[in-house]
């Protein structure tokens, strides 16, 4: 249970940063000035939900990983 909650919280905090990083890395040259510009354009054009694309698969992945890691570590 703790591993699943840790995975969920990790995705809640880390997902926006990961989505911004992915978009900046895959953007055409000159599309974004910096990550803050990317975040501003995402929020302006697509809304807050754009920061959490791929949320469910990431929660499943991190929850399973943390659950196994906590059991094996202890």
PDB file of N, CA and C in Angstrom:
ATOM      1  N   UNK A   1       0.833  -1.200   0.000  1.00  0.00           N
ATOM      2  CA  UNK A   1       0.000   0.000   0.000  1.00  0.00           C
ATOM      3  C   UNK A   1       0.873   1.257   0.000  1.00  0.00           C
ATOM      4  N   UNK A   2       1.902   1.251   0.830  1.00  0.00           N
ATOM      5  CA  UNK A   2       2.791   2.421   0.901  1.00  0.00           C
ATOM      6  C   UNK A   2       3.518   2.640  -0.422  1.00  0.00           C
ATOM      7  N   UNK A   3       3.920   1.551  -1.071  1.00  0.00           N
ATOM      8  CA  UNK A   3       4.585   1.671  -2.362  1.00  0.00           C
ATOM      9  C   UNK A   3       3.673   2.268  -3.412  1.00  0.00           C
ATOM     10  N   UNK A   4       2.414   1.868  -3.395  1.00  0.00           N
ATOM     11  CA  UNK A   4       1.449   2.413  -4.354  1.00  0.00           C
ATOM     12  C   UNK A   4       1.206   3.894  -4.108  1.00  0.00           C
ATOM     13  N   UNK A   5       1.070   4.280  -2.850  1.00  0.00           N
ATOM     14  CA  UNK A   5       0.873   5.697  -2.525  1.00  0.00           C
ATOM     15  C   UNK A   5       2.103   6.522  -2.881  1.00  0.00           C
ATOM     16  N   UNK A   6       3.271   5.956  -2.653  1.00  0.00           N
ATOM     17  CA  UNK A   6       4.499   6.661  -3.016  1.00  0.00           C
ATOM     18  C   UNK A   6       4.573   6.852  -4.532  1.00  0.00           C
ATOM     19  N   UNK A   7       4.190   5.827  -5.287  1.00  0.00           N
ATOM     20  CA  UNK A   7       4.174   5.943  -6.743  1.00  0.00           C
ATOM     21  C   UNK A   7       3.182   6.980  -7.223  1.00  0.00           C
ATOM     22  N   UNK A   8       1.993   6.988  -6.626  1.00  0.00           N
ATOM     23  CA  UNK A   8       0.975   7.969  -7.003  1.00  0.00           C
ATOM     24  C   UNK A   8       1.454   9.387  -6.710  1.00  0.00           C
ATOM     25  N   UNK A   9       1.997   9.601  -5.527  1.00  0.00           N
ATOM     26  CA  UNK A   9       2.491  10.934  -5.166  1.00  0.00           C
ATOM     27  C   UNK A   9       3.659  11.358  -6.042  1.00  0.00           C
ATOM     28  N   UNK A  10       4.523  10.415  -6.360  1.00  0.00           N
ATOM     29  CA  UNK A  10       5.643  10.724  -7.235  1.00  0.00           C
ATOM     30  C   UNK A  10       5.201  11.177  -8.611  1.00  0.00           C
ATOM     31  N   UNK A  11       4.186  10.525  -9.151  1.00  0.00           N
ATOM     32  CA  UNK A  11       3.675  10.904 -10.466  1.00  0.00           C
ATOM     33  C   UNK A  11       2.954  12.251 -10.394  1.00  0.00           C
ATOM     34  N   UNK A  12       2.215  12.491  -9.315  1.00  0.00           N
ATOM     35  CA  UNK A  12       1.529  13.785  -9.165  1.00  0.00           C
ATOM     36  C   UNK A  12       2.520  14.942  -9.192  1.00  0.00           C
ATOM     37  N   UNK A  13       3.655  14.755  -8.560  1.00  0.00           N
ATOM     38  CA  UNK A  13       4.661  15.810  -8.484  1.00  0.00           C
ATOM     39  C   UNK A  13       5.538  15.846  -9.733  1.00  0.00           C
ATOM     40  N   UNK A  14       5.932  14.689 -10.228  1.00  0.00           N
ATOM     41  CA  UNK A  14       6.904  14.630 -11.302  1.00  0.00           C
ATOM     42  C   UNK A  14       6.357  14.687 -12.713  1.00  0.00           C
ATOM     43  N   UNK A  15       5.103  14.357 -12.903  1.00  0.00           N
ATOM     44  CA  UNK A  15       4.537  14.289 -14.249  1.00  0.00           C
ATOM     45  C   UNK A  15       4.604  15.613 -15.013  1.00  0.00           C
ATOM     46  N   UNK A  16       4.241  16.747 -14.407  1.00  0.00           N
ATOM     47  CA  UNK A  16       4.335  17.990 -15.164  1.00  0.00           C
ATOM     48  C   UNK A  16       5.754  18.288 -15.657  1.00  0.00           C
ATOM     49  N   UNK A  17       6.738  18.030 -14.823  1.00  0.00           N
ATOM     50  CA  UNK A  17       8.127  18.293 -15.210  1.00  0.00           C
ATOM     51  C   UNK A  17       8.553  17.352 -16.329  1.00  0.00           C
ATOM     52  N   UNK A  18       8.140  16.102 -16.239  1.00  0.00           N
ATOM     53  CA  UNK A  18       8.496  15.124 -17.264  1.00  0.00           C
ATOM     54  C   UNK A  18       7.844  15.458 -18.609  1.00  0.00           C
ATOM     55  N   UNK A  19       6.591  15.888 -18.587  1.00  0.00           N
ATOM     56  CA  UNK A  19       5.903  16.245 -19.831  1.00  0.00           C
ATOM     57  C   UNK A  19       6.568  17.456 -20.469  1.00  0.00           C
ATOM     58  N   UNK A  20       6.919  18.453 -19.673  1.00  0.00           N
ATOM     59  CA  UNK A  20       7.601  19.641 -20.206  1.00  0.00           C
ATOM     60  C   UNK A  20       8.946  19.243 -20.806  1.00  0.00           C
ATOM     61  N   UNK A  21       9.711  18.414 -20.101  1.00  0.00           N
ATOM     62  CA  UNK A  21      11.017  17.957 -20.590  1.00  0.00           C
ATOM     63  C   UNK A  21      10.876  17.238 -21.921  1.00  0.00           C
ATOM     64  N   UNK A  22       9.887  16.359 -22.020  1.00  0.00           N
ATOM     65  CA  UNK A  22       9.678  15.598 -23.256  1.00  0.00           C
ATOM     66  C   UNK A  22       9.315  16.521 -24.405  1.00  0.00           C
ATOM     67  N   UNK A  23       8.464  17.483 -24.141  1.00  0.00           N
ATOM     68  CA  UNK A  23       8.062  18.405 -25.211  1.00  0.00           C
ATOM     69  C   UNK A  23       9.215  19.284 -25.670  1.00  0.00           C
ATOM     70  N   UNK A  24      10.017  19.763 -24.735  1.00  0.00           N
ATOM     71  CA  UNK A  24      11.162  20.602 -25.103  1.00  0.00           C
ATOM     72  C   UNK A  24      12.158  19.787 -25.917  1.00  0.00           C
ATOM     73  N   UNK A  25      12.390  18.549 -25.510  1.00  0.00           N
ATOM     74  CA  UNK A  25      13.357  17.705 -26.214  1.00  0.00           C
ATOM     75  C   UNK A  25      12.885  17.320 -27.617  1.00  0.00           C
ATOM     76  N   UNK A  26      11.582  17.156 -27.806  1.00  0.00           N
ATOM     77  CA  UNK A  26      11.079  16.721 -29.111  1.00  0.00           C
ATOM     78  C   UNK A  26      10.602  17.868 -29.995  1.00  0.00           C
ATOM     79  N   UNK A  27      10.692  19.096 -29.513  1.00  0.00           N
ATOM     80  CA  UNK A  27      10.217  20.250 -30.280  1.00  0.00           C
ATOM     81  C   UNK A  27      11.195  20.610 -31.395  1.00  0.00           C
ATOM     82  N   UNK A  28      10.644  21.242 -32.399  1.00  0.00           N
ATOM     83  CA  UNK A  28      11.483  21.764 -33.476  1.00  0.00           C
ATOM     84  C   UNK A  28      12.330  22.916 -32.931  1.00  0.00           C
ATOM     85  N   UNK A  29      13.498  23.121 -33.496  1.00  0.00           N
ATOM     86  CA  UNK A  29      14.336  24.233 -33.020  1.00  0.00           C
ATOM     87  C   UNK A  29      13.595  25.572 -33.109  1.00  0.00           C
ATOM     88  N   UNK A  30      13.615  26.309 -32.010  1.00  0.00           N
ATOM     89  CA  UNK A  30      12.971  27.618 -31.973  1.00  0.00           C
ATOM     90  C   UNK A  30      11.511  27.605 -31.562  1.00  0.00           C
ATOM     91  N   UNK A  31      10.941  26.422 -31.358  1.00  0.00           N
ATOM     92  CA  UNK A  31       9.532  26.361 -30.970  1.00  0.00           C
ATOM     93  C   UNK A  31       9.316  26.888 -29.559  1.00  0.00           C
ATOM     94  N   UNK A  32      10.232  26.552 -28.663  1.00  0.00           N
ATOM     95  CA  UNK A  32      10.179  27.044 -27.290  1.00  0.00           C
ATOM     96  C   UNK A  32      11.494  27.720 -26.954  1.00  0.00           C
ATOM     97  N   UNK A  33      11.413  28.832 -26.236  1.00  0.00           N
ATOM     98  CA  UNK A  33      12.635  29.520 -25.814  1.00  0.00           C
ATOM     99  C   UNK A  33      13.318  28.777 -24.677  1.00  0.00           C
ATOM    100  N   UNK A  34      12.505  28.271 -23.740  1.00  0.00           N
ATOM    101  CA  UNK A  34      13.007  27.571 -22.562  1.00  0.00           C
ATOM    102  C   UNK A  34      11.853  26.764 -21.965  1.00  0.00           C
ATOM    103  N   UNK A  35      12.101  25.981 -20.928  1.00  0.00           N
ATOM    104  CA  UNK A  35      11.021  25.174 -20.344  1.00  0.00           C
ATOM    105  C   UNK A  35       9.858  25.999 -19.787  1.00  0.00           C
ATOM    106  N   UNK A  36      10.130  27.166 -19.291  1.00  0.00           N
ATOM    107  CA  UNK A  36       9.050  28.021 -18.769  1.00  0.00           C
ATOM    108  C   UNK A  36       8.147  28.483 -19.899  1.00  0.00           C
ATOM    109  N   UNK A  37       8.742  28.811 -21.037  1.00  0.00           N
ATOM    110  CA  UNK A  37       7.953  29.187 -22.212  1.00  0.00           C
ATOM    111  C   UNK A  37       7.094  28.016 -22.662  1.00  0.00           C
ATOM    112  N   UNK A  38       7.655  26.825 -22.618  1.00  0.00           N
ATOM    113  CA  UNK A  38       6.905  25.617 -22.979  1.00  0.00           C
ATOM    114  C   UNK A  38       5.712  25.432 -22.045  1.00  0.00           C
ATOM    115  N   UNK A  39       5.944  25.564 -20.741  1.00  0.00           N
ATOM    116  CA  UNK A  39       4.860  25.401 -19.765  1.00  0.00           C
ATOM    117  C   UNK A  39       3.776  26.456 -19.984  1.00  0.00           C
ATOM    118  N   UNK A  40       4.174  27.682 -20.254  1.00  0.00           N
ATOM    119  CA  UNK A  40       3.202  28.759 -20.495  1.00  0.00           C
ATOM    120  C   UNK A  40       2.345  28.453 -21.722  1.00  0.00           C
ATOM    121  N   UNK A  41       2.984  28.029 -22.800  1.00  0.00           N
ATOM    122  CA  UNK A  41       2.240  27.727 -24.027  1.00  0.00           C
ATOM    123  C   UNK A  41       1.330  26.515 -23.843  1.00  0.00           C
ATOM    124  N   UNK A  42       1.809  25.514 -23.104  1.00  0.00           N
ATOM    125  CA  UNK A  42       0.964  24.350 -22.837  1.00  0.00           C
ATOM    126  C   UNK A  42      -0.280  24.762 -22.060  1.00  0.00           C
ATOM    127  N   UNK A  43      -0.090  25.535 -21.016  1.00  0.00           N
ATOM    128  CA  UNK A  43      -1.218  25.956 -20.183  1.00  0.00           C
ATOM    129  C   UNK A  43      -2.179  26.836 -20.976  1.00  0.00           C
ATOM    130  N   UNK A  44      -1.644  27.750 -21.764  1.00  0.00           N
ATOM    131  CA  UNK A  44      -2.474  28.684 -22.542  1.00  0.00           C
ATOM    132  C   UNK A  44      -3.277  27.960 -23.623  1.00  0.00           C
ATOM    133  N   UNK A  45      -2.651  27.020 -24.312  1.00  0.00           N
ATOM    134  CA  UNK A  45      -3.299  26.375 -25.457  1.00  0.00           C
ATOM    135  C   UNK A  45      -4.102  25.123 -25.101  1.00  0.00           C
ATOM    136  N   UNK A  46      -3.660  24.372 -24.092  1.00  0.00           N
ATOM    137  CA  UNK A  46      -4.287  23.078 -23.817  1.00  0.00           C
ATOM    138  C   UNK A  46      -4.884  22.954 -22.420  1.00  0.00           C
ATOM    139  N   UNK A  47      -4.557  23.874 -21.533  1.00  0.00           N
ATOM    140  CA  UNK A  47      -5.100  23.818 -20.183  1.00  0.00           C
ATOM    141  C   UNK A  47      -4.235  22.994 -19.243  1.00  0.00           C
ATOM    142  N   UNK A  48      -4.676  22.921 -18.000  1.00  0.00           N
ATOM    143  CA  UNK A  48      -3.904  22.260 -16.950  1.00  0.00           C
ATOM    144  C   UNK A  48      -3.777  20.756 -17.181  1.00  0.00           C
ATOM    145  N   UNK A  49      -4.736  20.161 -17.847  1.00  0.00           N
ATOM    146  CA  UNK A  49      -4.687  18.705 -18.065  1.00  0.00           C
ATOM    147  C   UNK A  49      -3.535  18.283 -18.968  1.00  0.00           C
ATOM    148  N   UNK A  50      -2.987  19.208 -19.748  1.00  0.00           N
ATOM    149  CA  UNK A  50      -1.869  18.858 -20.629  1.00  0.00           C
ATOM    150  C   UNK A  50      -0.616  18.475 -19.847  1.00  0.00           C
ATOM    151  N   UNK A  51      -0.505  18.912 -18.607  1.00  0.00           N
ATOM    152  CA  UNK A  51       0.657  18.581 -17.786  1.00  0.00           C
ATOM    153  C   UNK A  51       0.588  17.147 -17.256  1.00  0.00           C
ATOM    154  N   UNK A  52      -0.562  16.514 -17.364  1.00  0.00           N
ATOM    155  CA  UNK A  52      -0.746  15.171 -16.817  1.00  0.00           C
ATOM    156  C   UNK A  52      -1.078  14.146 -17.898  1.00  0.00           C
ATOM    157  N   UNK A  53      -0.586  14.353 -19.107  1.00  0.00           N
ATOM    158  CA  UNK A  53      -0.784  13.355 -20.159  1.00  0.00           C
ATOM    159  C   UNK A  53       0.047  12.128 -19.828  1.00  0.00           C
ATOM    160  N   UNK A  54      -0.541  10.964 -19.977  1.00  0.00           N
ATOM    161  CA  UNK A  54       0.137   9.721 -19.640  1.00  0.00           C
ATOM    162  C   UNK A  54       0.170   9.446 -18.147  1.00  0.00           C
ATOM    163  N   UNK A  55      -0.740  10.062 -17.407  1.00  0.00           N
ATOM    164  CA  UNK A  55      -0.762   9.939 -15.947  1.00  0.00           C
ATOM    165  C   UNK A  55      -1.016   8.498 -15.497  1.00  0.00           C
ATOM    166  N   UNK A  56      -2.047   7.867 -16.039  1.00  0.00           N
ATOM    167  CA  UNK A  56      -2.425   6.514 -15.596  1.00  0.00           C
ATOM    168  C   UNK A  56      -1.317   5.483 -15.835  1.00  0.00           C
ATOM    169  N   UNK A  57      -0.714   5.425 -17.029  1.00  0.00           N
ATOM    170  CA  UNK A  57       0.368   4.447 -17.213  1.00  0.00           C
ATOM    171  C   UNK A  57       1.557   4.706 -16.277  1.00  0.00           C
ATOM    172  N   UNK A  58       1.863   5.970 -16.030  1.00  0.00           N
ATOM    173  CA  UNK A  58       2.970   6.286 -15.128  1.00  0.00           C
ATOM    174  C   UNK A  58       2.654   5.888 -13.687  1.00  0.00           C
ATOM    175  N   UNK A  59       1.406   6.060 -13.266  1.00  0.00           N
ATOM    176  CA  UNK A  59       1.019   5.653 -11.908  1.00  0.00           C
ATOM    177  C   UNK A  59       1.154   4.144 -11.768  1.00  0.00           C
ATOM    178  N   UNK A  60       0.677   3.409 -12.748  1.00  0.00           N
ATOM    179  CA  UNK A  60       0.779   1.947 -12.690  1.00  0.00           C
ATOM    180  C   UNK A  60       2.245   1.528 -12.637  1.00  0.00           C
ATOM    181  N   UNK A  61       3.054   2.102 -13.519  1.00  0.00           N
ATOM    182  CA  UNK A  61       4.471   1.749 -13.572  1.00  0.00           C
ATOM    183  C   UNK A  61       5.177   2.049 -12.250  1.00  0.00           C
ATOM    184  N   UNK A  62       5.014   3.250 -11.740  1.00  0.00           N
ATOM    185  CA  UNK A  62       5.718   3.643 -10.519  1.00  0.00           C
ATOM    186  C   UNK A  62       5.160   2.955  -9.283  1.00  0.00           C
ATOM    187  N   UNK A  63       3.859   2.726  -9.238  1.00  0.00           N
ATOM    188  CA  UNK A  63       3.272   2.028  -8.091  1.00  0.00           C
ATOM    189  C   UNK A  63       3.789   0.600  -7.995  1.00  0.00           C
ATOM    190  N   UNK A  64       3.826  -0.090  -9.129  1.00  0.00           N
ATOM    191  CA  UNK A  64       4.341  -1.458  -9.126  1.00  0.00           C
ATOM    192  C   UNK A  64       5.829  -1.483  -8.763  1.00  0.00           C
ATOM    193  N   UNK A  65       6.581  -0.568  -9.344  1.00  0.00           N
ATOM    194  CA  UNK A  65       8.004  -0.521  -9.062  1.00  0.00           C
ATOM    195  C   UNK A  65       8.256  -0.262  -7.572  1.00  0.00           C
ATOM    196  N   UNK A  66       7.585   0.719  -7.009  1.00  0.00           N
ATOM    197  CA  UNK A  66       7.791   1.045  -5.598  1.00  0.00           C
ATOM    198  C   UNK A  66       7.331  -0.083  -4.684  1.00  0.00           C
ATOM    199  N   UNK A  67       6.253  -0.733  -5.024  1.00  0.00           N
ATOM    200  CA  UNK A  67       5.779  -1.852  -4.208  1.00  0.00           C
ATOM    201  C   UNK A  67       6.813  -2.973  -4.168  1.00  0.00           C
ATOM    202  N   UNK A  68       7.347  -3.332  -5.320  1.00  0.00           N
ATOM    203  CA  UNK A  68       8.354  -4.385  -5.383  1.00  0.00           C
ATOM    204  C   UNK A  68       9.642  -3.928  -4.689  1.00  0.00           C
ATOM    205  N   UNK A  69      10.040  -2.703  -4.928  1.00  0.00           N
ATOM    206  CA  UNK A  69      11.269  -2.174  -4.339  1.00  0.00           C
ATOM    207  C   UNK A  69      11.186  -2.153  -2.814  1.00  0.00           C
ATOM    208  N   UNK A  70      10.066  -1.694  -2.262  1.00  0.00           N
ATOM    209  CA  UNK A  70       9.917  -1.639  -0.807  1.00  0.00           C
ATOM    210  C   UNK A  70       9.982  -3.044  -0.195  1.00  0.00           C
ATOM    211  N   UNK A  71       9.336  -4.017  -0.838  1.00  0.00           N
ATOM    212  CA  UNK A  71       9.330  -5.390  -0.322  1.00  0.00           C
ATOM    213  C   UNK A  71      10.733  -5.984  -0.377  1.00  0.00           C
ATOM    214  N   UNK A  72      11.409  -5.801  -1.497  1.00  0.00           N
ATOM    215  CA  UNK A  72      12.747  -6.372  -1.649  1.00  0.00           C
ATOM    216  C   UNK A  72      13.771  -5.668  -0.759  1.00  0.00           C
ATOM    217  N   UNK A  73      13.616  -4.381  -0.577  1.00  0.00           N
ATOM    218  CA  UNK A  73      14.550  -3.622   0.246  1.00  0.00           C
ATOM    219  C   UNK A  73      14.446  -4.024   1.700  1.00  0.00           C
ATOM    220  N   UNK A  74      13.214  -4.198   2.163  1.00  0.00           N
ATOM    221  CA  UNK A  74      13.011  -4.565   3.571  1.00  0.00           C
ATOM    222  C   UNK A  74      13.347  -6.020   3.775  1.00  0.00           C
TER     223      UNK A  74
END
